[in-house]
Amino acid sequence: MLNCNSNFKNMFKIFTLIIKFKIRKYKKVGRDEYGNTYYLKPNSDERFCFYYGIPEASKIPPQWHAWIHYSSNEIPTINDIKCKWQLNHIPNTTGTKFAYTPKNSIKNAISKGVFTIVKKYTSWS
């Protein structure tokens, strides 16, 4: 019987080698505060992001998002000045325990023990 964990590790090693092979054609232009690395292909306008940790597109901060989607040609730096009213960027938390639930939602009421499901549905037929 094959071990799924070892198969995953082997696939990850192969994927890492492919990415390293692809990255060598690109020039590193910067890194954001979350560890994501950004690359630009010389003699082209092709842009590439290598995510740090879990590859989740919502982890890209707004300045880098504008650059990678060609809205801005200015390469952001970590020292970009933020205004007082700006909050730190937070990746999408949907599906995690940090996801937003409205005050009067059933999920919120169940988690606080205010609302409990008493009986299961039974069909009448």
C-alpha atoms as a PDB file:
ATOM      1  CA  MET A   1       0.000   0.000   0.000  1.00  0.00           C
ATOM      2  CA  LEU A   2       1.330   3.428  -0.943  1.00  0.00           C
ATOM      3  CA  ASN A   3       1.624   6.141   1.620  1.00  0.00           C
ATOM      4  CA  CYS A   4      -0.299   9.230   0.463  1.00  0.00           C
ATOM      5  CA  ASN A   5       1.879  11.518   2.558  1.00  0.00           C
ATOM      6  CA  SER A   6       5.080  10.365   0.836  1.00  0.00           C
ATOM      7  CA  ASN A   7       3.420  10.732  -2.591  1.00  0.00           C
ATOM      8  CA  PHE A   8       2.452  14.288  -1.693  1.00  0.00           C
ATOM      9  CA  LYS A   9       6.017  15.060  -0.586  1.00  0.00           C
ATOM     10  CA  ASN A  10       7.415  13.675  -3.856  1.00  0.00           C
ATOM     11  CA  MET A  11       4.934  15.702  -5.908  1.00  0.00           C
ATOM     12  CA  PHE A  12       5.838  18.808  -3.905  1.00  0.00           C
ATOM     13  CA  LYS A  13       9.560  18.233  -4.581  1.00  0.00           C
ATOM     14  CA  ILE A  14       8.872  17.905  -8.312  1.00  0.00           C
ATOM     15  CA  PHE A  15       6.700  21.030  -8.255  1.00  0.00           C
ATOM     16  CA  THR A  16       9.447  22.939  -6.423  1.00  0.00           C
ATOM     17  CA  LEU A  17      12.022  21.897  -9.031  1.00  0.00           C
ATOM     18  CA  ILE A  18       9.727  23.046 -11.853  1.00  0.00           C
ATOM     19  CA  ILE A  19       9.181  26.416 -10.151  1.00  0.00           C
ATOM     20  CA  LYS A  20      12.921  26.855  -9.553  1.00  0.00           C
ATOM     21  CA  PHE A  21      13.538  26.100 -13.225  1.00  0.00           C
ATOM     22  CA  LYS A  22      10.900  28.659 -14.235  1.00  0.00           C
ATOM     23  CA  ILE A  23      12.149  31.317 -11.786  1.00  0.00           C
ATOM     24  CA  ARG A  24      15.692  31.278 -13.179  1.00  0.00           C
ATOM     25  CA  LYS A  25      14.351  32.982 -16.335  1.00  0.00           C
ATOM     26  CA  TYR A  26      12.902  35.819 -14.245  1.00  0.00           C
ATOM     27  CA  LYS A  27      14.458  38.743 -12.375  1.00  0.00           C
ATOM     28  CA  LYS A  28      13.512  39.138  -8.720  1.00  0.00           C
ATOM     29  CA  VAL A  29      12.026  42.608  -8.234  1.00  0.00           C
ATOM     30  CA  GLY A  30      10.829  42.517  -4.662  1.00  0.00           C
ATOM     31  CA  ARG A  31       9.302  40.870  -1.650  1.00  0.00           C
ATOM     32  CA  ASP A  32       6.317  41.946   0.425  1.00  0.00           C
ATOM     33  CA  GLU A  33       5.885  41.918   4.200  1.00  0.00           C
ATOM     34  CA  TYR A  34       4.248  38.460   4.060  1.00  0.00           C
ATOM     35  CA  GLY A  35       7.207  36.781   2.326  1.00  0.00           C
ATOM     36  CA  ASN A  36       5.688  36.556  -1.171  1.00  0.00           C
ATOM     37  CA  THR A  37       8.363  37.066  -3.841  1.00  0.00           C
ATOM     38  CA  TYR A  38       7.710  38.907  -7.112  1.00  0.00           C
ATOM     39  CA  TYR A  39       9.496  38.382 -10.417  1.00  0.00           C
ATOM     40  CA  LEU A  40       9.639  40.132 -13.791  1.00  0.00           C
ATOM     41  CA  LYS A  41      10.751  38.470 -17.023  1.00  0.00           C
ATOM     42  CA  PRO A  42      13.534  40.448 -18.751  1.00  0.00           C
ATOM     43  CA  ASN A  43      12.724  41.806 -22.225  1.00  0.00           C
ATOM     44  CA  SER A  44       9.048  41.172 -21.519  1.00  0.00           C
ATOM     45  CA  ASP A  45       6.312  42.506 -19.299  1.00  0.00           C
ATOM     46  CA  GLU A  46       5.446  39.090 -17.840  1.00  0.00           C
ATOM     47  CA  ARG A  47       5.070  39.154 -14.045  1.00  0.00           C
ATOM     48  CA  PHE A  48       5.069  36.264 -11.588  1.00  0.00           C
ATOM     49  CA  CYS A  49       4.434  35.830  -7.860  1.00  0.00           C
ATOM     50  CA  PHE A  50       5.823  33.002  -5.736  1.00  0.00           C
ATOM     51  CA  TYR A  51       3.687  32.725  -2.601  1.00  0.00           C
ATOM     52  CA  TYR A  52       5.196  32.127   0.811  1.00  0.00           C
ATOM     53  CA  GLY A  53       3.370  29.290   2.545  1.00  0.00           C
ATOM     54  CA  ILE A  54      -0.085  28.402   1.297  1.00  0.00           C
ATOM     55  CA  PRO A  55      -0.633  29.645  -2.281  1.00  0.00           C
ATOM     56  CA  GLU A  56      -3.585  31.970  -1.728  1.00  0.00           C
ATOM     57  CA  ALA A  57      -4.111  34.900  -4.104  1.00  0.00           C
ATOM     58  CA  SER A  58      -5.768  37.065  -1.445  1.00  0.00           C
ATOM     59  CA  LYS A  59      -2.427  37.168   0.434  1.00  0.00           C
ATOM     60  CA  ILE A  60      -1.099  39.771  -2.024  1.00  0.00           C
ATOM     61  CA  PRO A  61      -1.182  43.308  -0.528  1.00  0.00           C
ATOM     62  CA  PRO A  62      -2.944  46.058  -2.523  1.00  0.00           C
ATOM     63  CA  GLN A  63       0.229  47.740  -3.842  1.00  0.00           C
ATOM     64  CA  TRP A  64       1.609  44.466  -5.205  1.00  0.00           C
ATOM     65  CA  HIS A  65      -1.818  43.467  -6.520  1.00  0.00           C
ATOM     66  CA  ALA A  66      -1.867  46.649  -8.614  1.00  0.00           C
ATOM     67  CA  TRP A  67       1.621  45.885  -9.936  1.00  0.00           C
ATOM     68  CA  ILE A  68       1.024  42.222 -10.781  1.00  0.00           C
ATOM     69  CA  HIS A  69      -2.229  43.052 -12.610  1.00  0.00           C
ATOM     70  CA  TYR A  70      -0.577  45.828 -14.673  1.00  0.00           C
ATOM     71  CA  SER A  71      -2.547  48.646 -13.003  1.00  0.00           C
ATOM     72  CA  SER A  72       0.747  50.199 -11.949  1.00  0.00           C
ATOM     73  CA  ASN A  73       4.241  49.931 -13.380  1.00  0.00           C
ATOM     74  CA  GLU A  74       5.830  51.251 -10.185  1.00  0.00           C
ATOM     75  CA  ILE A  75       7.397  48.440  -8.165  1.00  0.00           C
ATOM     76  CA  PRO A  76       6.270  48.778  -4.521  1.00  0.00           C
ATOM     77  CA  THR A  77       8.734  48.702  -1.635  1.00  0.00           C
ATOM     78  CA  ILE A  78       8.299  47.615   1.973  1.00  0.00           C
ATOM     79  CA  ASN A  79       8.980  51.196   3.025  1.00  0.00           C
ATOM     80  CA  ASP A  80       5.929  52.582   1.204  1.00  0.00           C
ATOM     81  CA  ILE A  81       4.318  55.134   3.491  1.00  0.00           C
ATOM     82  CA  LYS A  82       0.873  54.198   4.761  1.00  0.00           C
ATOM     83  CA  CYS A  83      -1.679  56.755   5.818  1.00  0.00           C
ATOM     84  CA  LYS A  84      -2.930  56.737   9.418  1.00  0.00           C
ATOM     85  CA  TRP A  85      -6.365  55.527   8.371  1.00  0.00           C
ATOM     86  CA  GLN A  86      -5.107  52.498   6.424  1.00  0.00           C
ATOM     87  CA  LEU A  87      -5.379  49.077   8.043  1.00  0.00           C
ATOM     88  CA  ASN A  88      -2.941  46.209   7.543  1.00  0.00           C
ATOM     89  CA  HIS A  89      -3.854  43.815   4.756  1.00  0.00           C
ATOM     90  CA  ILE A  90      -5.643  40.630   5.881  1.00  0.00           C
ATOM     91  CA  PRO A  91      -5.992  37.629   3.521  1.00  0.00           C
ATOM     92  CA  ASN A  92      -9.414  36.097   2.889  1.00  0.00           C
ATOM     93  CA  THR A  93     -10.587  34.265   6.042  1.00  0.00           C
ATOM     94  CA  THR A  94     -13.636  32.533   4.596  1.00  0.00           C
ATOM     95  CA  GLY A  95     -13.889  28.962   5.876  1.00  0.00           C
ATOM     96  CA  THR A  96     -11.677  29.567   8.897  1.00  0.00           C
ATOM     97  CA  LYS A  97     -12.530  30.278  12.521  1.00  0.00           C
ATOM     98  CA  PHE A  98     -11.620  33.932  11.882  1.00  0.00           C
ATOM     99  CA  ALA A  99     -14.352  34.378   9.242  1.00  0.00           C
ATOM    100  CA  TYR A 100     -16.871  37.148   9.849  1.00  0.00           C
ATOM    101  CA  THR A 101     -20.325  36.106  10.997  1.00  0.00           C
ATOM    102  CA  PRO A 102     -23.062  38.693  11.514  1.00  0.00           C
ATOM    103  CA  LYS A 103     -24.335  39.326  15.033  1.00  0.00           C
ATOM    104  CA  ASN A 104     -27.759  37.701  14.488  1.00  0.00           C
ATOM    105  CA  SER A 105     -26.671  34.734  12.357  1.00  0.00           C
ATOM    106  CA  ILE A 106     -27.689  31.188  13.285  1.00  0.00           C
ATOM    107  CA  LYS A 107     -24.053  30.036  13.248  1.00  0.00           C
ATOM    108  CA  ASN A 108     -23.158  32.714  15.789  1.00  0.00           C
ATOM    109  CA  ALA A 109     -26.141  31.812  17.985  1.00  0.00           C
ATOM    110  CA  ILE A 110     -25.338  28.082  17.900  1.00  0.00           C
ATOM    111  CA  SER A 111     -21.686  28.688  18.831  1.00  0.00           C
ATOM    112  CA  LYS A 112     -22.790  30.747  21.863  1.00  0.00           C
ATOM    113  CA  GLY A 113     -25.304  28.074  22.919  1.00  0.00           C
ATOM    114  CA  VAL A 114     -28.303  30.410  22.569  1.00  0.00           C
ATOM    115  CA  PHE A 115     -29.929  28.383  19.819  1.00  0.00           C
ATOM    116  CA  THR A 116     -29.859  24.596  19.676  1.00  0.00           C
ATOM    117  CA  ILE A 117     -31.329  22.223  17.145  1.00  0.00           C
ATOM    118  CA  VAL A 118     -33.783  20.071  19.076  1.00  0.00           C
ATOM    119  CA  LYS A 119     -34.991  17.502  16.574  1.00  0.00           C
ATOM    120  CA  LYS A 120     -34.037  16.330  13.132  1.00  0.00           C
ATOM    121  CA  TYR A 121     -36.361  16.584  10.166  1.00  0.00           C
ATOM    122  CA  THR A 122     -38.426  13.511   9.397  1.00  0.00           C
ATOM    123  CA  SER A 123     -40.382  13.242   6.182  1.00  0.00           C
ATOM    124  CA  TRP A 124     -44.159  12.677   6.334  1.00  0.00           C
ATOM    125  CA  SER A 125     -44.264  10.142   3.524  1.00  0.00           C
END
